Protein backbone atom coordinates (compact mmCIF):
# COMPACT_ATOMS: atom_id res chain seq x y z
CA MET A 1 61.04 73.23 113.95
CA ILE A 2 63.33 75.52 115.97
CA VAL A 3 61.53 76.96 118.99
CA THR A 4 63.17 80.05 120.48
CA ASP A 5 63.17 80.92 124.17
CA ALA A 6 60.69 83.72 123.45
CA VAL A 7 58.28 81.30 121.77
CA ARG A 8 58.69 78.84 124.68
CA ASP A 9 57.73 81.62 127.10
CA THR A 10 54.71 82.48 124.95
CA ILE A 11 53.64 78.83 124.84
CA ALA A 12 53.91 78.57 128.63
CA HIS A 13 51.73 81.68 128.99
CA LEU A 14 49.16 80.38 126.50
CA ARG A 15 49.02 76.98 128.20
CA ARG A 16 48.01 78.73 131.42
CA GLN A 17 45.55 81.01 129.65
CA VAL A 18 43.89 78.29 127.56
CA ALA A 19 43.61 75.98 130.58
CA ALA A 20 41.93 78.75 132.59
CA LEU A 21 39.55 79.64 129.77
CA HIS A 22 38.30 76.06 129.58
CA ALA A 23 36.69 76.61 132.99
CA GLU A 24 34.34 79.14 131.37
CA LEU A 25 32.73 76.44 129.21
CA PRO A 26 31.14 74.34 131.99
CA ARG A 27 30.64 77.47 134.10
CA ASN A 28 28.42 78.87 131.34
CA GLN A 29 26.81 75.47 130.65
CA LEU A 30 28.23 75.26 127.13
CA VAL A 31 29.60 71.69 127.40
CA VAL A 32 29.04 68.32 129.04
CA TRP A 33 31.50 65.58 130.00
CA THR A 34 34.71 66.07 127.95
CA ALA A 35 33.15 67.68 124.86
CA GLY A 36 34.27 71.08 123.59
CA ASN A 37 37.61 72.81 123.39
CA VAL A 38 39.48 76.11 123.35
CA SER A 39 42.64 76.83 121.38
CA ALA A 40 45.01 79.74 120.89
CA ARG A 41 47.43 80.56 118.11
CA VAL A 42 51.07 80.91 119.16
CA PRO A 43 52.23 84.29 117.78
CA GLY A 44 55.43 84.15 115.81
CA ALA A 45 55.21 80.42 115.16
CA ASP A 46 53.00 78.12 113.11
CA LEU A 47 51.74 76.48 116.28
CA LEU A 48 48.62 76.33 118.43
CA VAL A 49 47.79 75.36 122.02
CA ILE A 50 44.68 73.23 122.54
CA LYS A 51 42.92 70.94 125.01
CA PRO A 52 43.90 67.27 124.90
CA SER A 53 41.37 64.68 123.79
CA GLY A 54 39.05 63.05 126.31
CA VAL A 55 40.32 64.86 129.42
CA SER A 56 37.73 65.88 132.03
CA TYR A 57 37.31 69.58 132.69
CA ASP A 58 38.12 68.93 136.35
CA GLU A 59 41.48 67.53 135.25
CA ILE A 60 42.51 70.34 132.93
CA THR A 61 45.79 72.00 133.87
CA ALA A 62 48.31 74.10 131.99
CA ASP A 63 50.70 71.14 131.88
CA ARG A 64 48.09 69.01 130.14
CA MET A 65 47.54 71.45 127.29
CA VAL A 66 49.16 70.25 124.07
CA VAL A 67 50.95 72.09 121.28
CA THR A 68 50.52 71.17 117.61
CA ASP A 69 51.62 72.61 114.33
CA LEU A 70 49.10 74.03 111.85
CA SER A 71 48.72 70.62 110.28
CA GLY A 72 47.47 69.27 113.60
CA ARG A 73 50.62 67.25 114.35
CA LEU A 74 51.65 67.01 118.00
CA VAL A 75 54.74 69.11 118.76
CA ASP A 76 54.74 69.11 122.55
CA GLY A 77 52.62 67.42 125.20
CA GLU A 78 51.94 64.04 126.75
CA HIS A 79 48.38 63.58 125.49
CA ASN A 80 46.68 63.23 122.12
CA PRO A 81 45.33 66.55 120.82
CA SER A 82 41.59 67.17 120.66
CA SER A 83 39.78 65.40 117.84
CA ASP A 84 38.84 68.88 116.60
CA THR A 85 42.46 70.01 116.23
CA ALA A 86 42.43 69.73 112.43
CA ALA A 87 39.47 72.13 112.27
CA HIS A 88 41.17 74.66 114.56
CA ALA A 89 44.42 74.38 112.60
CA TYR A 90 42.68 74.95 109.27
CA VAL A 91 41.05 78.12 110.63
CA TYR A 92 44.43 79.48 111.77
CA GLN A 93 45.98 78.66 108.40
CA HIS A 94 43.32 80.52 106.43
CA MET A 95 42.17 83.31 108.78
CA PRO A 96 45.31 85.21 109.81
CA ALA A 97 43.43 87.67 112.06
CA VAL A 98 42.07 84.82 114.21
CA ASN A 99 44.07 83.99 117.33
CA GLY A 100 41.50 81.96 119.25
CA VAL A 101 38.98 79.24 118.35
CA VAL A 102 36.31 77.61 120.54
CA HIS A 103 34.03 74.65 119.92
CA THR A 104 30.95 73.77 121.98
CA HIS A 105 27.77 71.75 121.76
CA SER A 106 25.79 74.27 123.81
CA THR A 107 22.14 73.23 123.98
CA TYR A 108 20.17 76.03 122.33
CA ALA A 109 22.71 77.04 119.69
CA THR A 110 23.21 73.39 118.76
CA ALA A 111 19.45 72.98 118.47
CA TRP A 112 19.52 75.69 115.78
CA ALA A 113 22.41 73.81 114.13
CA ALA A 114 20.36 70.59 114.20
CA ARG A 115 17.63 72.41 112.26
CA GLY A 116 20.19 73.88 109.86
CA GLU A 117 18.77 77.32 110.62
CA ALA A 118 20.62 80.59 111.11
CA ILE A 119 19.82 82.63 114.22
CA PRO A 120 18.18 85.79 112.87
CA CYS A 121 19.30 89.25 113.93
CA VAL A 122 16.33 90.18 116.10
CA LEU A 123 18.20 91.42 119.20
CA THR A 124 20.56 94.34 119.65
CA MET A 125 22.99 91.93 121.30
CA ILE A 126 23.14 89.91 118.07
CA ALA A 127 23.77 93.06 116.05
CA ASP A 128 26.45 94.19 118.52
CA GLU A 129 28.46 91.00 118.75
CA PHE A 130 27.67 89.18 115.51
CA GLY A 131 26.95 91.99 113.04
CA GLY A 132 23.91 90.18 111.63
CA GLU A 133 22.52 86.68 111.68
CA ILE A 134 24.58 83.85 113.13
CA PRO A 135 25.09 81.69 110.04
CA VAL A 136 24.90 77.95 109.46
CA GLY A 137 27.89 76.09 108.04
CA PRO A 138 27.75 72.83 106.07
CA PHE A 139 27.62 69.33 107.50
CA ALA A 140 31.09 67.80 107.77
CA LEU A 141 32.57 64.70 109.36
CA ILE A 142 35.08 64.88 112.21
CA GLY A 143 38.65 63.70 111.70
CA ASP A 144 40.16 65.87 108.99
CA ASP A 145 40.01 69.54 107.99
CA SER A 146 36.48 69.31 106.48
CA ILE A 147 34.94 71.12 109.43
CA GLY A 148 37.63 73.80 109.26
CA ARG A 149 36.90 74.32 105.58
CA GLY A 150 33.22 74.78 106.34
CA ILE A 151 33.96 77.27 109.10
CA VAL A 152 36.25 79.38 106.91
CA GLU A 153 33.99 79.30 103.86
CA THR A 154 31.02 80.41 105.96
CA LEU A 155 32.66 83.11 108.05
CA ARG A 156 34.42 84.69 105.06
CA THR A 157 31.06 86.10 103.96
CA HIS A 158 29.80 87.09 107.42
CA ARG A 159 30.86 89.46 110.19
CA SER A 160 29.82 86.87 112.76
CA PRO A 161 32.54 85.34 114.95
CA ALA A 162 30.25 82.30 115.37
CA VAL A 163 29.04 79.63 112.99
CA LEU A 164 26.52 76.86 113.62
CA MET A 165 27.94 73.78 111.94
CA ARG A 166 24.93 71.81 110.73
CA ASN A 167 24.05 68.75 112.83
CA HIS A 168 27.14 69.33 114.98
CA GLY A 169 27.58 72.40 117.14
CA VAL A 170 29.09 75.84 117.50
CA PHE A 171 32.50 77.14 116.49
CA THR A 172 33.58 80.66 117.40
CA VAL A 173 36.67 82.69 116.52
CA GLY A 174 38.28 85.79 117.96
CA LYS A 175 41.28 88.09 118.02
CA SER A 176 42.18 86.17 121.18
CA ALA A 177 41.08 82.93 122.80
CA ARG A 178 39.20 84.99 125.39
CA ASP A 179 37.26 86.80 122.63
CA ALA A 180 36.33 83.46 121.10
CA VAL A 181 35.06 82.21 124.48
CA LYS A 182 33.01 85.39 124.89
CA ALA A 183 31.44 84.82 121.46
CA ALA A 184 30.54 81.24 122.42
CA VAL A 185 28.88 82.41 125.65
CA MET A 186 26.92 85.13 123.86
CA CYS A 187 25.95 82.80 121.01
CA GLU A 188 24.26 80.42 123.44
CA ASP A 189 22.55 83.28 125.26
CA VAL A 190 20.96 84.76 122.14
CA ALA A 191 20.11 81.31 120.76
CA ARG A 192 18.09 80.65 123.92
CA THR A 193 16.38 84.04 123.88
CA VAL A 194 15.39 83.88 120.21
CA HIS A 195 14.12 80.32 120.67
CA ILE A 196 11.89 81.47 123.53
CA ALA A 197 10.71 84.49 121.53
CA ARG A 198 9.63 82.19 118.71
CA GLN A 199 7.53 80.15 121.12
CA ILE A 200 5.39 83.16 121.99
CA GLY A 201 5.30 85.06 118.71
CA THR A 202 7.24 86.19 115.67
CA PRO A 203 10.54 87.97 116.45
CA ILE A 204 10.94 91.31 114.68
CA PRO A 205 14.09 91.65 112.53
CA ILE A 206 16.31 94.69 113.01
CA ALA A 207 16.70 96.82 109.89
CA GLN A 208 20.11 96.47 108.24
CA PRO A 209 21.14 100.15 108.67
CA ASP A 210 20.45 99.80 112.40
CA VAL A 211 22.39 96.54 112.54
CA ASP A 212 25.35 98.28 110.90
CA SER A 213 25.14 101.20 113.32
CA LEU A 214 24.88 98.98 116.39
CA TYR A 215 27.76 96.79 115.23
CA ALA A 216 30.04 99.75 114.51
CA ARG A 217 29.35 101.30 117.91
CA TYR A 218 29.86 98.10 119.86
CA GLN A 219 33.03 97.12 118.03
CA ASN A 220 34.66 100.56 118.02
CA VAL A 221 33.24 102.67 120.85
CA TYR A 222 31.75 100.47 123.58
CA GLY A 223 33.78 99.72 126.71
CA GLN A 224 36.81 101.34 128.31
CA GLU A 225 39.43 103.26 126.42
CA PRO A 226 42.85 101.57 126.35
CA ALA A 227 45.18 102.67 129.12
CA LYS A 228 47.75 105.21 127.97
């Protein structure tokens, strides 16, 4: 594969960005030990940048990030890619609008995954960010693209940027790696809140027209206007 100077510059930028974003996972209590990972698609090339396998979060630096192709083969880096690389690569191959993928085993969201139960849309925050329930994907073994297939098959029929892979954990996607991290943080937050709500009563679902209205506003109106 021929890598141009422009692509090399982009990879260097993404290595710094992806390394920095990994700090958000332990900061938001989404991971323990070396579990979890963040990746970013390299625009203009069939490549991705991802965390290396088995490296402590305290030891993550831009230089330690690895680059693979969209088959999960190492292209650049001194460490083995994450064991979840095949899943990330499959998502990038089959979801062209996705530029960032995150995987966590965050406690509350993974507890829903262990039950094989979707998180119902009973909070405005869920409607805003996820556009409805946070769905459950199928059980799949680690090591090939089976998890990636489950992610893509599930998210193709949902607006949610998050999927609870049964008996495993959370995968989130986004237009950028930062957006995917945000979705992972928010997924854990609502998973915790809905779990607590169920301990004290029956959460009240939000009507679908209201879900649609909340989602449209949050995705298209909320926040600051782009600088001109």
